[in-house]
Protein backbone atom coordinates (compact mmCIF):
# COMPACT_ATOMS: atom_id res chain seq x y z
CA ILE A 1 112.89 93.34 93.64
CA ASP A 2 112.89 96.03 91.00
CA ARG A 3 111.01 96.80 87.77
CA LYS A 4 112.55 93.72 86.16
CA GLY A 5 111.39 91.44 88.98
CA PHE A 6 113.14 89.42 91.66
CA ASN A 7 116.93 89.85 91.70
CA GLY A 8 117.84 87.62 94.63
CA GLY A 9 118.04 87.68 98.38
CA TYR A 10 119.13 85.91 101.51
CA ILE A 11 117.66 82.91 103.31
CA PHE A 12 118.74 82.88 106.94
CA PRO A 13 118.27 80.08 109.46
CA GLY A 14 115.12 80.49 111.48
CA LYS A 15 114.75 80.93 115.21
CA LYS A 16 114.02 77.24 115.80
CA LEU A 17 117.13 76.08 113.91
CA LEU A 18 119.27 78.57 115.82
CA GLU A 19 117.81 77.42 119.12
CA ASN A 20 118.56 73.79 118.25
CA CYS A 21 122.07 74.24 116.85
CA TYR A 22 123.82 73.85 120.21
CA GLN A 23 121.71 70.82 121.08
CA TYR A 24 122.80 68.99 117.93
CA GLY A 25 126.42 70.05 117.82
CA PHE A 26 127.31 69.97 121.50
CA LEU A 27 124.48 67.87 122.97
CA LEU A 28 123.45 70.76 125.23
CA LYS A 29 119.92 71.24 126.48
CA ASN A 30 117.62 72.96 123.98
CA ILE A 31 117.49 76.70 124.75
CA LYS A 32 114.57 78.93 123.72
CA LEU A 33 115.64 82.29 122.31
CA LYS A 34 114.10 85.15 124.29
CA ASN A 35 113.16 88.49 122.74
CA THR A 36 114.89 90.41 125.51
CA LEU A 37 118.00 89.63 127.47
CA LYS A 38 118.46 91.00 130.98
CA ASN A 39 122.17 90.48 131.57
CA LEU A 40 124.69 92.32 129.44
CA TRP A 41 127.29 89.72 130.39
CA PRO A 42 125.87 86.17 130.48
CA ASN A 43 126.79 84.06 133.50
CA SER A 44 125.17 80.71 132.69
CA THR A 45 125.13 78.36 129.71
CA PRO A 46 121.52 79.21 128.72
CA GLN A 47 122.24 82.95 129.01
CA ALA A 48 125.48 82.56 127.03
CA ILE A 49 123.67 80.72 124.23
CA GLN A 50 120.78 83.21 124.16
CA SER A 51 123.19 86.15 124.12
CA ALA A 52 125.28 84.62 121.35
CA LEU A 53 122.26 83.91 119.16
CA LYS A 54 120.76 87.35 119.72
CA THR A 55 124.13 88.97 118.98
CA GLN A 56 124.42 86.98 115.74
CA GLN A 57 121.04 88.26 114.62
CA LYS A 58 121.84 91.88 115.51
CA VAL A 59 125.23 91.76 113.79
CA LEU A 60 123.62 90.29 110.68
CA ILE A 61 120.93 92.98 110.57
CA ASN A 62 123.48 95.76 111.09
CA TYR A 63 125.68 94.30 108.34
CA LEU A 64 122.78 94.23 105.86
CA LEU A 65 121.63 97.75 106.77
CA LYS A 66 125.16 99.06 106.16
CA LYS A 67 125.74 97.01 102.99
CA TYR A 68 122.41 98.06 101.47
CA PRO A 69 121.72 101.54 102.88
CA ASN A 70 119.37 102.53 100.04
CA HIS A 71 117.39 99.28 99.98
CA GLN A 72 114.23 98.20 101.71
CA PHE A 73 113.52 94.64 102.82
CA VAL A 74 110.82 92.04 102.20
CA LEU A 75 110.62 89.66 105.16
CA THR A 76 109.12 86.23 104.63
CA GLY A 77 108.95 82.88 106.38
CA GLY A 78 107.99 81.83 109.86
CA ASP A 79 110.46 84.21 111.50
CA ALA A 80 109.44 87.34 109.61
CA GLN A 81 108.02 88.91 112.78
CA ASN A 82 111.17 88.11 114.74
CA TRP A 83 113.35 89.89 112.16
CA GLN A 84 110.84 92.72 111.84
CA ARG A 85 111.42 93.69 115.49
CA MET A 86 115.09 94.30 114.74
CA ILE A 87 114.80 96.33 111.52
CA PRO A 88 113.60 99.96 111.38
CA ALA A 89 110.05 100.07 110.00
CA LYS A 90 111.00 102.48 107.20
CA LYS A 91 113.39 99.81 105.83
CA ILE A 92 110.64 97.15 105.47
CA ILE A 93 108.46 97.00 102.36
CA LYS A 94 106.52 93.92 103.36
CA SER A 95 106.57 91.36 106.14
CA ASP A 96 104.52 88.23 105.53
CA PRO A 97 105.36 84.81 106.96
CA HIS A 98 103.15 83.19 104.30
CA LEU A 99 104.30 85.14 101.25
CA ILE A 100 105.59 82.07 99.40
CA HIS A 101 102.24 80.33 99.89
CA HIS A 102 100.36 83.36 98.52
CA ALA A 103 102.69 83.46 95.51
CA LEU A 104 102.24 79.74 94.79
CA PHE A 105 98.47 80.15 95.03
CA HIS A 106 98.54 82.91 92.39
CA VAL A 107 100.85 80.89 90.15
CA GLY A 108 98.37 78.01 90.43
CA ILE A 109 95.48 80.26 89.41
CA ILE A 110 97.43 81.49 86.39
CA LEU A 111 98.38 77.96 85.35
CA CYS A 112 94.81 76.71 85.74
CA SER A 113 93.50 79.50 83.56
CA LEU A 114 95.76 78.58 80.60
């Protein structure tokens, strides 16, 4: 987002989709992603899945922070809070899981006033 408006952005799979991906692809039991992981080296299937998913998220965040060092982020969607825990606060402009709904509401008001 700049003075000209919205320039683009990323849409990443949410926590629920990530949790379910192994269940669909490999018919494994559904695993809930924990915020903290105790073992550095996983030694069970649930721990291995949790560690892999958490690592994917961390790698993604680190990639974006390095690719866009002078940018700040707007976090939206149901997993905004999850991503917010992994990004330094000074890099976040706004975090709102309902941002799209707020925007649509304001568009509706504008359209109704025409």
